[in-house]
PDB file of N, CA and C in Angstrom:
ATOM      1  N   MET A   1     -29.321 -51.291 -83.583  1.00  0.00           N
ATOM      2  CA  MET A   1     -29.421 -51.899 -82.273  1.00  0.00           C
ATOM      3  C   MET A   1     -28.791 -50.984 -81.230  1.00  0.00           C
ATOM      4  N   THR A   2     -29.231 -51.151 -80.004  1.00  0.00           N
ATOM      5  CA  THR A   2     -28.699 -50.332 -78.919  1.00  0.00           C
ATOM      6  C   THR A   2     -28.834 -51.083 -77.607  1.00  0.00           C
ATOM      7  N   TYR A   3     -28.456 -50.432 -76.565  1.00  0.00           N
ATOM      8  CA  TYR A   3     -28.585 -50.970 -75.222  1.00  0.00           C
ATOM      9  C   TYR A   3     -29.775 -50.303 -74.542  1.00  0.00           C
ATOM     10  N   ILE A   4     -30.392 -51.033 -73.620  1.00  0.00           N
ATOM     11  CA  ILE A   4     -31.568 -50.572 -72.886  1.00  0.00           C
ATOM     12  C   ILE A   4     -31.259 -50.635 -71.394  1.00  0.00           C
ATOM     13  N   ILE A   5     -31.694 -49.623 -70.668  1.00  0.00           N
ATOM     14  CA  ILE A   5     -31.558 -49.609 -69.207  1.00  0.00           C
ATOM     15  C   ILE A   5     -32.917 -49.977 -68.623  1.00  0.00           C
ATOM     16  N   ALA A   6     -32.939 -50.991 -67.779  1.00  0.00           N
ATOM     17  CA  ALA A   6     -34.194 -51.550 -67.267  1.00  0.00           C
ATOM     18  C   ALA A   6     -34.422 -51.233 -65.785  1.00  0.00           C
ATOM     19  N   GLN A   7     -35.365 -51.922 -65.180  1.00  0.00           N
ATOM     20  CA  GLN A   7     -35.881 -51.665 -63.831  1.00  0.00           C
ATOM     21  C   GLN A   7     -34.822 -51.485 -62.737  1.00  0.00           C
ATOM     22  N   PRO A   8     -33.743 -52.249 -62.705  1.00  0.00           N
ATOM     23  CA  PRO A   8     -32.811 -52.073 -61.578  1.00  0.00           C
ATOM     24  C   PRO A   8     -32.221 -50.664 -61.451  1.00  0.00           C
ATOM     25  N   CYS A   9     -32.286 -49.877 -62.511  1.00  0.00           N
ATOM     26  CA  CYS A   9     -31.757 -48.508 -62.463  1.00  0.00           C
ATOM     27  C   CYS A   9     -32.758 -47.512 -61.870  1.00  0.00           C
ATOM     28  N   VAL A  10     -34.039 -47.823 -61.965  1.00  0.00           N
ATOM     29  CA  VAL A  10     -35.069 -46.878 -61.510  1.00  0.00           C
ATOM     30  C   VAL A  10     -34.866 -46.550 -60.036  1.00  0.00           C
ATOM     31  N   ASP A  11     -34.782 -45.286 -59.743  1.00  0.00           N
ATOM     32  CA  ASP A  11     -34.578 -44.719 -58.409  1.00  0.00           C
ATOM     33  C   ASP A  11     -33.192 -45.015 -57.822  1.00  0.00           C
ATOM     34  N   VAL A  12     -32.294 -45.582 -58.624  1.00  0.00           N
ATOM     35  CA  VAL A  12     -30.923 -45.822 -58.174  1.00  0.00           C
ATOM     36  C   VAL A  12     -29.969 -44.885 -58.908  1.00  0.00           C
ATOM     37  N   MET A  13     -29.970 -44.957 -60.234  1.00  0.00           N
ATOM     38  CA  MET A  13     -29.166 -44.113 -61.110  1.00  0.00           C
ATOM     39  C   MET A  13     -27.730 -43.933 -60.612  1.00  0.00           C
ATOM     40  N   ASP A  14     -26.994 -45.009 -60.515  1.00  0.00           N
ATOM     41  CA  ASP A  14     -25.620 -45.001 -60.030  1.00  0.00           C
ATOM     42  C   ASP A  14     -24.683 -44.142 -60.875  1.00  0.00           C
ATOM     43  N   ARG A  15     -24.892 -44.076 -62.183  1.00  0.00           N
ATOM     44  CA  ARG A  15     -24.132 -43.264 -63.128  1.00  0.00           C
ATOM     45  C   ARG A  15     -22.729 -43.777 -63.464  1.00  0.00           C
ATOM     46  N   ALA A  16     -22.343 -44.955 -62.974  1.00  0.00           N
ATOM     47  CA  ALA A  16     -21.045 -45.523 -63.360  1.00  0.00           C
ATOM     48  C   ALA A  16     -21.007 -45.735 -64.873  1.00  0.00           C
ATOM     49  N   CYS A  17     -22.131 -46.070 -65.460  1.00  0.00           N
ATOM     50  CA  CYS A  17     -22.203 -46.279 -66.913  1.00  0.00           C
ATOM     51  C   CYS A  17     -21.926 -44.985 -67.669  1.00  0.00           C
ATOM     52  N   VAL A  18     -22.391 -43.873 -67.126  1.00  0.00           N
ATOM     53  CA  VAL A  18     -22.189 -42.571 -67.761  1.00  0.00           C
ATOM     54  C   VAL A  18     -20.701 -42.274 -67.883  1.00  0.00           C
ATOM     55  N   GLU A  19     -19.954 -42.584 -66.837  1.00  0.00           N
ATOM     56  CA  GLU A  19     -18.518 -42.338 -66.832  1.00  0.00           C
ATOM     57  C   GLU A  19     -17.786 -43.198 -67.853  1.00  0.00           C
ATOM     58  N   GLU A  20     -18.317 -44.377 -68.176  1.00  0.00           N
ATOM     59  CA  GLU A  20     -17.675 -45.290 -69.127  1.00  0.00           C
ATOM     60  C   GLU A  20     -18.053 -45.021 -70.576  1.00  0.00           C
ATOM     61  N   CYS A  21     -19.138 -44.327 -70.799  1.00  0.00           N
ATOM     62  CA  CYS A  21     -19.639 -44.123 -72.166  1.00  0.00           C
ATOM     63  C   CYS A  21     -18.725 -43.166 -72.939  1.00  0.00           C
ATOM     64  N   PRO A  22     -18.130 -43.635 -74.032  1.00  0.00           N
ATOM     65  CA  PRO A  22     -17.215 -42.785 -74.787  1.00  0.00           C
ATOM     66  C   PRO A  22     -17.903 -41.761 -75.687  1.00  0.00           C
ATOM     67  N   VAL A  23     -19.223 -41.896 -75.885  1.00  0.00           N
ATOM     68  CA  VAL A  23     -19.922 -40.982 -76.789  1.00  0.00           C
ATOM     69  C   VAL A  23     -20.997 -40.144 -76.096  1.00  0.00           C
ATOM     70  N   ASP A  24     -21.052 -40.171 -74.770  1.00  0.00           N
ATOM     71  CA  ASP A  24     -21.966 -39.313 -74.008  1.00  0.00           C
ATOM     72  C   ASP A  24     -23.426 -39.493 -74.420  1.00  0.00           C
ATOM     73  N   CYS A  25     -23.860 -40.766 -74.554  1.00  0.00           N
ATOM     74  CA  CYS A  25     -25.223 -41.017 -75.026  1.00  0.00           C
ATOM     75  C   CYS A  25     -26.174 -41.502 -73.935  1.00  0.00           C
ATOM     76  N   ILE A  26     -25.748 -41.458 -72.664  1.00  0.00           N
ATOM     77  CA  ILE A  26     -26.616 -41.912 -71.574  1.00  0.00           C
ATOM     78  C   ILE A  26     -27.188 -40.683 -70.875  1.00  0.00           C
ATOM     79  N   TYR A  27     -28.482 -40.512 -71.031  1.00  0.00           N
ATOM     80  CA  TYR A  27     -29.188 -39.330 -70.541  1.00  0.00           C
ATOM     81  C   TYR A  27     -29.868 -39.620 -69.212  1.00  0.00           C
ATOM     82  N   GLU A  28     -30.019 -38.582 -68.419  1.00  0.00           N
ATOM     83  CA  GLU A  28     -30.614 -38.717 -67.096  1.00  0.00           C
ATOM     84  C   GLU A  28     -32.024 -38.155 -67.074  1.00  0.00           C
ATOM     85  N   GLY A  29     -32.976 -39.024 -66.702  1.00  0.00           N
ATOM     86  CA  GLY A  29     -34.341 -38.587 -66.474  1.00  0.00           C
ATOM     87  C   GLY A  29     -34.525 -38.314 -64.993  1.00  0.00           C
ATOM     88  N   LYS A  30     -35.746 -38.172 -64.563  1.00  0.00           N
ATOM     89  CA  LYS A  30     -36.023 -37.894 -63.155  1.00  0.00           C
ATOM     90  C   LYS A  30     -35.749 -39.101 -62.268  1.00  0.00           C
ATOM     91  N   ARG A  31     -36.073 -40.308 -62.760  1.00  0.00           N
ATOM     92  CA  ARG A  31     -35.939 -41.517 -61.936  1.00  0.00           C
ATOM     93  C   ARG A  31     -35.065 -42.600 -62.541  1.00  0.00           C
ATOM     94  N   SER A  32     -34.639 -42.425 -63.789  1.00  0.00           N
ATOM     95  CA  SER A  32     -33.867 -43.460 -64.463  1.00  0.00           C
ATOM     96  C   SER A  32     -32.939 -42.835 -65.495  1.00  0.00           C
ATOM     97  N   LEU A  33     -32.018 -43.649 -65.987  1.00  0.00           N
ATOM     98  CA  LEU A  33     -31.124 -43.258 -67.071  1.00  0.00           C
ATOM     99  C   LEU A  33     -31.607 -43.912 -68.357  1.00  0.00           C
ATOM    100  N   TYR A  34     -31.265 -43.317 -69.507  1.00  0.00           N
ATOM    101  CA  TYR A  34     -31.728 -43.787 -70.805  1.00  0.00           C
ATOM    102  C   TYR A  34     -30.595 -43.675 -71.820  1.00  0.00           C
ATOM    103  N   ILE A  35     -30.456 -44.665 -72.682  1.00  0.00           N
ATOM    104  CA  ILE A  35     -29.426 -44.674 -73.708  1.00  0.00           C
ATOM    105  C   ILE A  35     -30.043 -44.260 -75.042  1.00  0.00           C
ATOM    106  N   HIS A  36     -29.473 -43.208 -75.640  1.00  0.00           N
ATOM    107  CA  HIS A  36     -30.003 -42.709 -76.905  1.00  0.00           C
ATOM    108  C   HIS A  36     -29.691 -43.708 -78.022  1.00  0.00           C
ATOM    109  N   PRO A  37     -30.714 -44.235 -78.697  1.00  0.00           N
ATOM    110  CA  PRO A  37     -30.485 -45.282 -79.693  1.00  0.00           C
ATOM    111  C   PRO A  37     -29.702 -44.818 -80.920  1.00  0.00           C
ATOM    112  N   ASP A  38     -29.802 -43.561 -81.283  1.00  0.00           N
ATOM    113  CA  ASP A  38     -29.089 -43.062 -82.457  1.00  0.00           C
ATOM    114  C   ASP A  38     -27.669 -42.611 -82.131  1.00  0.00           C
ATOM    115  N   GLU A  39     -27.421 -42.251 -80.903  1.00  0.00           N
ATOM    116  CA  GLU A  39     -26.099 -41.771 -80.498  1.00  0.00           C
ATOM    117  C   GLU A  39     -25.201 -42.890 -79.982  1.00  0.00           C
ATOM    118  N   CYS A  40     -25.800 -43.991 -79.530  1.00  0.00           N
ATOM    119  CA  CYS A  40     -25.049 -45.138 -79.014  1.00  0.00           C
ATOM    120  C   CYS A  40     -24.294 -45.808 -80.171  1.00  0.00           C
ATOM    121  N   VAL A  41     -23.022 -46.137 -79.941  1.00  0.00           N
ATOM    122  CA  VAL A  41     -22.208 -46.806 -80.957  1.00  0.00           C
ATOM    123  C   VAL A  41     -22.068 -48.304 -80.673  1.00  0.00           C
ATOM    124  N   ASP A  42     -22.856 -48.817 -79.752  1.00  0.00           N
ATOM    125  CA  ASP A  42     -22.882 -50.240 -79.411  1.00  0.00           C
ATOM    126  C   ASP A  42     -21.525 -50.779 -78.966  1.00  0.00           C
ATOM    127  N   CYS A  43     -20.751 -49.966 -78.262  1.00  0.00           N
ATOM    128  CA  CYS A  43     -19.432 -50.418 -77.811  1.00  0.00           C
ATOM    129  C   CYS A  43     -19.539 -51.372 -76.625  1.00  0.00           C
ATOM    130  N   GLY A  44     -20.629 -51.271 -75.846  1.00  0.00           N
ATOM    131  CA  GLY A  44     -20.842 -52.167 -74.716  1.00  0.00           C
ATOM    132  C   GLY A  44     -20.105 -51.789 -73.443  1.00  0.00           C
ATOM    133  N   ALA A  45     -19.424 -50.653 -73.416  1.00  0.00           N
ATOM    134  CA  ALA A  45     -18.667 -50.254 -72.222  1.00  0.00           C
ATOM    135  C   ALA A  45     -19.561 -50.028 -71.012  1.00  0.00           C
ATOM    136  N   CYS A  46     -20.786 -49.637 -71.230  1.00  0.00           N
ATOM    137  CA  CYS A  46     -21.705 -49.338 -70.133  1.00  0.00           C
ATOM    138  C   CYS A  46     -22.164 -50.588 -69.382  1.00  0.00           C
ATOM    139  N   GLU A  47     -22.370 -51.663 -70.102  1.00  0.00           N
ATOM    140  CA  GLU A  47     -22.970 -52.869 -69.511  1.00  0.00           C
ATOM    141  C   GLU A  47     -22.181 -53.421 -68.323  1.00  0.00           C
ATOM    142  N   PRO A  48     -20.886 -53.677 -68.431  1.00  0.00           N
ATOM    143  CA  PRO A  48     -20.161 -54.198 -67.268  1.00  0.00           C
ATOM    144  C   PRO A  48     -19.942 -53.160 -66.171  1.00  0.00           C
ATOM    145  N   ALA A  49     -20.088 -51.884 -66.501  1.00  0.00           N
ATOM    146  CA  ALA A  49     -19.887 -50.828 -65.512  1.00  0.00           C
ATOM    147  C   ALA A  49     -21.075 -50.675 -64.569  1.00  0.00           C
ATOM    148  N   CYS A  50     -22.228 -51.192 -64.955  1.00  0.00           N
ATOM    149  CA  CYS A  50     -23.451 -51.018 -64.166  1.00  0.00           C
ATOM    150  C   CYS A  50     -23.434 -51.918 -62.932  1.00  0.00           C
ATOM    151  N   PRO A  51     -23.411 -51.329 -61.729  1.00  0.00           N
ATOM    152  CA  PRO A  51     -23.343 -52.142 -60.513  1.00  0.00           C
ATOM    153  C   PRO A  51     -24.637 -52.874 -60.173  1.00  0.00           C
ATOM    154  N   VAL A  52     -25.755 -52.468 -60.777  1.00  0.00           N
ATOM    155  CA  VAL A  52     -27.029 -53.127 -60.491  1.00  0.00           C
ATOM    156  C   VAL A  52     -27.504 -54.007 -61.649  1.00  0.00           C
ATOM    157  N   GLU A  53     -26.649 -54.188 -62.653  1.00  0.00           N
ATOM    158  CA  GLU A  53     -26.943 -55.032 -63.811  1.00  0.00           C
ATOM    159  C   GLU A  53     -28.274 -54.673 -64.471  1.00  0.00           C
ATOM    160  N   ALA A  54     -28.420 -53.381 -64.779  1.00  0.00           N
ATOM    161  CA  ALA A  54     -29.650 -52.880 -65.383  1.00  0.00           C
ATOM    162  C   ALA A  54     -29.549 -52.703 -66.895  1.00  0.00           C
ATOM    163  N   ILE A  55     -28.357 -52.843 -67.465  1.00  0.00           N
ATOM    164  CA  ILE A  55     -28.153 -52.560 -68.880  1.00  0.00           C
ATOM    165  C   ILE A  55     -28.083 -53.858 -69.674  1.00  0.00           C
ATOM    166  N   PHE A  56     -28.890 -53.893 -70.746  1.00  0.00           N
ATOM    167  CA  PHE A  56     -28.977 -55.075 -71.590  1.00  0.00           C
ATOM    168  C   PHE A  56     -28.916 -54.668 -73.055  1.00  0.00           C
ATOM    169  N   TYR A  57     -28.283 -55.519 -73.865  1.00  0.00           N
ATOM    170  CA  TYR A  57     -28.363 -55.337 -75.301  1.00  0.00           C
ATOM    171  C   TYR A  57     -29.838 -55.467 -75.670  1.00  0.00           C
ATOM    172  N   GLU A  58     -30.277 -54.685 -76.605  1.00  0.00           N
ATOM    173  CA  GLU A  58     -31.686 -54.603 -76.988  1.00  0.00           C
ATOM    174  C   GLU A  58     -32.359 -55.977 -77.138  1.00  0.00           C
ATOM    175  N   ASP A  59     -31.697 -56.917 -77.767  1.00  0.00           N
ATOM    176  CA  ASP A  59     -32.289 -58.246 -77.980  1.00  0.00           C
ATOM    177  C   ASP A  59     -32.221 -59.143 -76.752  1.00  0.00           C
ATOM    178  N   ASP A  60     -31.516 -58.708 -75.715  1.00  0.00           N
ATOM    179  CA  ASP A  60     -31.322 -59.531 -74.523  1.00  0.00           C
ATOM    180  C   ASP A  60     -32.068 -59.041 -73.289  1.00  0.00           C
ATOM    181  N   VAL A  61     -32.943 -58.057 -73.445  1.00  0.00           N
ATOM    182  CA  VAL A  61     -33.709 -57.555 -72.305  1.00  0.00           C
ATOM    183  C   VAL A  61     -34.611 -58.681 -71.803  1.00  0.00           C
ATOM    184  N   PRO A  62     -34.546 -59.011 -70.504  1.00  0.00           N
ATOM    185  CA  PRO A  62     -35.420 -60.066 -69.970  1.00  0.00           C
ATOM    186  C   PRO A  62     -36.899 -59.742 -70.214  1.00  0.00           C
ATOM    187  N   ASP A  63     -37.683 -60.769 -70.440  1.00  0.00           N
ATOM    188  CA  ASP A  63     -39.104 -60.589 -70.755  1.00  0.00           C
ATOM    189  C   ASP A  63     -39.829 -59.739 -69.725  1.00  0.00           C
ATOM    190  N   GLU A  64     -39.498 -59.897 -68.447  1.00  0.00           N
ATOM    191  CA  GLU A  64     -40.218 -59.139 -67.414  1.00  0.00           C
ATOM    192  C   GLU A  64     -39.935 -57.636 -67.479  1.00  0.00           C
ATOM    193  N   TRP A  65     -38.913 -57.246 -68.214  1.00  0.00           N
ATOM    194  CA  TRP A  65     -38.568 -55.830 -68.357  1.00  0.00           C
ATOM    195  C   TRP A  65     -38.715 -55.339 -69.792  1.00  0.00           C
ATOM    196  N   ALA A  66     -39.465 -56.047 -70.598  1.00  0.00           N
ATOM    197  CA  ALA A  66     -39.635 -55.692 -72.014  1.00  0.00           C
ATOM    198  C   ALA A  66     -40.190 -54.284 -72.199  1.00  0.00           C
ATOM    199  N   GLU A  67     -41.009 -53.806 -71.265  1.00  0.00           N
ATOM    200  CA  GLU A  67     -41.601 -52.463 -71.381  1.00  0.00           C
ATOM    201  C   GLU A  67     -40.545 -51.356 -71.363  1.00  0.00           C
ATOM    202  N   TYR A  68     -39.370 -51.657 -70.859  1.00  0.00           N
ATOM    203  CA  TYR A  68     -38.317 -50.641 -70.785  1.00  0.00           C
ATOM    204  C   TYR A  68     -37.773 -50.272 -72.159  1.00  0.00           C
ATOM    205  N   TYR A  69     -37.935 -51.143 -73.123  1.00  0.00           N
ATOM    206  CA  TYR A  69     -37.569 -50.781 -74.500  1.00  0.00           C
ATOM    207  C   TYR A  69     -38.440 -49.608 -74.955  1.00  0.00           C
ATOM    208  N   ASP A  70     -39.755 -49.745 -74.799  1.00  0.00           N
ATOM    209  CA  ASP A  70     -40.684 -48.685 -75.192  1.00  0.00           C
ATOM    210  C   ASP A  70     -40.475 -47.424 -74.358  1.00  0.00           C
ATOM    211  N   ALA A  71     -40.155 -47.594 -73.078  1.00  0.00           N
ATOM    212  CA  ALA A  71     -39.893 -46.433 -72.224  1.00  0.00           C
ATOM    213  C   ALA A  71     -38.674 -45.667 -72.717  1.00  0.00           C
ATOM    214  N   ASN A  72     -37.646 -46.405 -73.140  1.00  0.00           N
ATOM    215  CA  ASN A  72     -36.446 -45.760 -73.665  1.00  0.00           C
ATOM    216  C   ASN A  72     -36.771 -44.957 -74.925  1.00  0.00           C
ATOM    217  N   VAL A  73     -37.545 -45.542 -75.820  1.00  0.00           N
ATOM    218  CA  VAL A  73     -37.958 -44.848 -77.044  1.00  0.00           C
ATOM    219  C   VAL A  73     -38.778 -43.609 -76.691  1.00  0.00           C
ATOM    220  N   ALA A  74     -39.716 -43.745 -75.766  1.00  0.00           N
ATOM    221  CA  ALA A  74     -40.592 -42.633 -75.379  1.00  0.00           C
ATOM    222  C   ALA A  74     -39.807 -41.471 -74.761  1.00  0.00           C
ATOM    223  N   PHE A  75     -38.760 -41.770 -74.011  1.00  0.00           N
ATOM    224  CA  PHE A  75     -37.960 -40.705 -73.399  1.00  0.00           C
ATOM    225  C   PHE A  75     -37.391 -39.779 -74.471  1.00  0.00           C
ATOM    226  N   PHE A  76     -36.964 -40.346 -75.581  1.00  0.00           N
ATOM    227  CA  PHE A  76     -36.346 -39.539 -76.628  1.00  0.00           C
ATOM    228  C   PHE A  76     -37.342 -38.987 -77.636  1.00  0.00           C
ATOM    229  N   ASP A  77     -38.617 -39.384 -77.556  1.00  0.00           N
ATOM    230  CA  ASP A  77     -39.636 -38.815 -78.443  1.00  0.00           C
ATOM    231  C   ASP A  77     -39.706 -37.303 -78.293  1.00  0.00           C
ATOM    232  N   SER A  78     -39.632 -36.812 -77.067  1.00  0.00           N
ATOM    233  CA  SER A  78     -39.731 -35.368 -76.854  1.00  0.00           C
ATOM    234  C   SER A  78     -38.375 -34.672 -76.928  1.00  0.00           C
ATOM    235  N   LEU A  79     -37.286 -35.399 -76.659  1.00  0.00           N
ATOM    236  CA  LEU A  79     -35.952 -34.791 -76.682  1.00  0.00           C
ATOM    237  C   LEU A  79     -35.327 -34.741 -78.066  1.00  0.00           C
ATOM    238  N   GLY A  80     -35.691 -35.668 -78.906  1.00  0.00           N
ATOM    239  CA  GLY A  80     -35.036 -35.769 -80.201  1.00  0.00           C
ATOM    240  C   GLY A  80     -33.617 -36.281 -80.028  1.00  0.00           C
ATOM    241  N   SER A  81     -32.694 -35.699 -80.772  1.00  0.00           N
ATOM    242  CA  SER A  81     -31.294 -36.106 -80.707  1.00  0.00           C
ATOM    243  C   SER A  81     -30.446 -34.896 -80.334  1.00  0.00           C
ATOM    244  N   PRO A  82     -30.301 -34.629 -79.038  1.00  0.00           N
ATOM    245  CA  PRO A  82     -29.605 -33.429 -78.571  1.00  0.00           C
ATOM    246  C   PRO A  82     -28.107 -33.415 -78.839  1.00  0.00           C
ATOM    247  N   GLY A  83     -27.506 -34.575 -79.112  1.00  0.00           N
ATOM    248  CA  GLY A  83     -26.090 -34.608 -79.435  1.00  0.00           C
ATOM    249  C   GLY A  83     -25.157 -34.659 -78.242  1.00  0.00           C
ATOM    250  N   GLY A  84     -25.620 -35.169 -77.134  1.00  0.00           N
ATOM    251  CA  GLY A  84     -24.757 -35.338 -75.968  1.00  0.00           C
ATOM    252  C   GLY A  84     -25.474 -35.065 -74.673  1.00  0.00           C
ATOM    253  N   ALA A  85     -25.401 -36.020 -73.770  1.00  0.00           N
ATOM    254  CA  ALA A  85     -26.116 -35.924 -72.498  1.00  0.00           C
ATOM    255  C   ALA A  85     -25.534 -34.854 -71.584  1.00  0.00           C
ATOM    256  N   SER A  86     -24.220 -34.726 -71.539  1.00  0.00           N
ATOM    257  CA  SER A  86     -23.616 -33.766 -70.605  1.00  0.00           C
ATOM    258  C   SER A  86     -23.973 -32.334 -70.981  1.00  0.00           C
ATOM    259  N   ARG A  87     -24.100 -32.078 -72.256  1.00  0.00           N
ATOM    260  CA  ARG A  87     -24.482 -30.737 -72.705  1.00  0.00           C
ATOM    261  C   ARG A  87     -25.930 -30.412 -72.334  1.00  0.00           C
ATOM    262  N   LEU A  88     -26.786 -31.418 -72.382  1.00  0.00           N
ATOM    263  CA  LEU A  88     -28.209 -31.218 -72.078  1.00  0.00           C
ATOM    264  C   LEU A  88     -28.474 -31.176 -70.577  1.00  0.00           C
ATOM    265  N   GLY A  89     -27.802 -32.024 -69.824  1.00  0.00           N
ATOM    266  CA  GLY A  89     -28.011 -32.080 -68.374  1.00  0.00           C
ATOM    267  C   GLY A  89     -29.202 -32.935 -67.997  1.00  0.00           C
ATOM    268  N   PRO A  90     -29.419 -33.114 -66.676  1.00  0.00           N
ATOM    269  CA  PRO A  90     -30.548 -33.931 -66.194  1.00  0.00           C
ATOM    270  C   PRO A  90     -31.883 -33.352 -66.634  1.00  0.00           C
ATOM    271  N   GLN A  91     -32.800 -34.242 -66.923  1.00  0.00           N
ATOM    272  CA  GLN A  91     -34.155 -33.856 -67.307  1.00  0.00           C
ATOM    273  C   GLN A  91     -35.099 -34.126 -66.140  1.00  0.00           C
ATOM    274  N   ASP A  92     -36.146 -33.341 -66.042  1.00  0.00           N
ATOM    275  CA  ASP A  92     -37.078 -33.459 -64.927  1.00  0.00           C
ATOM    276  C   ASP A  92     -38.332 -34.246 -65.313  1.00  0.00           C
ATOM    277  N   PHE A  93     -38.148 -35.293 -66.118  1.00  0.00           N
ATOM    278  CA  PHE A  93     -39.283 -36.119 -66.511  1.00  0.00           C
ATOM    279  C   PHE A  93     -38.793 -37.515 -66.849  1.00  0.00           C
ATOM    280  N   ASP A  94     -39.724 -38.428 -66.907  1.00  0.00           N
ATOM    281  CA  ASP A  94     -39.520 -39.788 -67.375  1.00  0.00           C
ATOM    282  C   ASP A  94     -40.713 -40.123 -68.266  1.00  0.00           C
ATOM    283  N   PRO A  95     -40.609 -41.174 -69.070  1.00  0.00           N
ATOM    284  CA  PRO A  95     -41.785 -41.601 -69.823  1.00  0.00           C
ATOM    285  C   PRO A  95     -42.888 -42.030 -68.858  1.00  0.00           C
ATOM    286  N   PRO A  96     -44.138 -41.982 -69.281  1.00  0.00           N
ATOM    287  CA  PRO A  96     -45.254 -42.340 -68.393  1.00  0.00           C
ATOM    288  C   PRO A  96     -45.085 -43.685 -67.686  1.00  0.00           C
ATOM    289  N   PHE A  97     -44.572 -44.695 -68.382  1.00  0.00           N
ATOM    290  CA  PHE A  97     -44.396 -46.006 -67.756  1.00  0.00           C
ATOM    291  C   PHE A  97     -43.501 -45.928 -66.524  1.00  0.00           C
ATOM    292  N   VAL A  98     -42.353 -45.290 -66.640  1.00  0.00           N
ATOM    293  CA  VAL A  98     -41.418 -45.173 -65.511  1.00  0.00           C
ATOM    294  C   VAL A  98     -41.976 -44.225 -64.459  1.00  0.00           C
ATOM    295  N   ASP A  99     -42.571 -43.142 -64.897  1.00  0.00           N
ATOM    296  CA  ASP A  99     -43.134 -42.154 -63.976  1.00  0.00           C
ATOM    297  C   ASP A  99     -44.211 -42.763 -63.082  1.00  0.00           C
ATOM    298  N   SER A 100     -44.953 -43.723 -63.611  1.00  0.00           N
ATOM    299  CA  SER A 100     -46.067 -44.320 -62.855  1.00  0.00           C
ATOM    300  C   SER A 100     -45.642 -45.456 -61.916  1.00  0.00           C
ATOM    301  N   LEU A 101     -44.398 -45.878 -61.977  1.00  0.00           N
ATOM    302  CA  LEU A 101     -43.933 -46.971 -61.112  1.00  0.00           C
ATOM    303  C   LEU A 101     -43.906 -46.552 -59.651  1.00  0.00           C
ATOM    304  N   PRO A 102     -44.210 -47.470 -58.742  1.00  0.00           N
ATOM    305  CA  PRO A 102     -44.024 -47.163 -57.316  1.00  0.00           C
ATOM    306  C   PRO A 102     -42.523 -47.032 -57.040  1.00  0.00           C
ATOM    307  N   PRO A 103     -42.143 -46.467 -55.921  1.00  0.00           N
ATOM    308  CA  PRO A 103     -40.705 -46.374 -55.589  1.00  0.00           C
ATOM    309  C   PRO A 103     -40.038 -47.744 -55.704  1.00  0.00           C
ATOM    310  N   GLN A 104     -38.874 -47.760 -56.327  1.00  0.00           N
ATOM    311  CA  GLN A 104     -38.151 -48.998 -56.602  1.00  0.00           C
ATOM    312  C   GLN A 104     -36.897 -49.106 -55.749  1.00  0.00           C
ATOM    313  N   ASN A 105     -36.407 -50.315 -55.633  1.00  0.00           N
ATOM    314  CA  ASN A 105     -35.101 -50.587 -55.030  1.00  0.00           C
ATOM    315  C   ASN A 105     -34.918 -49.952 -53.654  1.00  0.00           C
ATOM    316  N   GLN A 106     -35.973 -49.904 -52.896  1.00  0.00           N
ATOM    317  CA  GLN A 106     -35.892 -49.345 -51.552  1.00  0.00           C
ATOM    318  C   GLN A 106     -35.676 -50.476 -50.551  1.00  0.00           C
ATOM    319  N   ASP A 107     -34.666 -50.350 -49.723  1.00  0.00           N
ATOM    320  CA  ASP A 107     -34.396 -51.397 -48.732  1.00  0.00           C
ATOM    321  C   ASP A 107     -35.255 -51.244 -47.504  1.00  0.00           C
TER     322      ASP A 107
END
């Protein structure tokens, strides 16, 4: 099991969760952040740190954001398991689902 980052993070990417993660498993895409399912230790430190409430335990993702589970998996299909987000740095892509979204969270 792991945590999933959903729609409220798209185009916001506050990164407060990154600072709280003790295992450096939150990776940065072009428009959203993603939690590596194999590197996450399920400590839950990221969830309360998120100011936009975008992080959910895998089984608790709201139905309207269910596609974000697959998007999270797809992000790591091409990356594999790099062993730490800070070492890899920001990536210039997102999975097709996130990439195709209109601009989000714009006031």
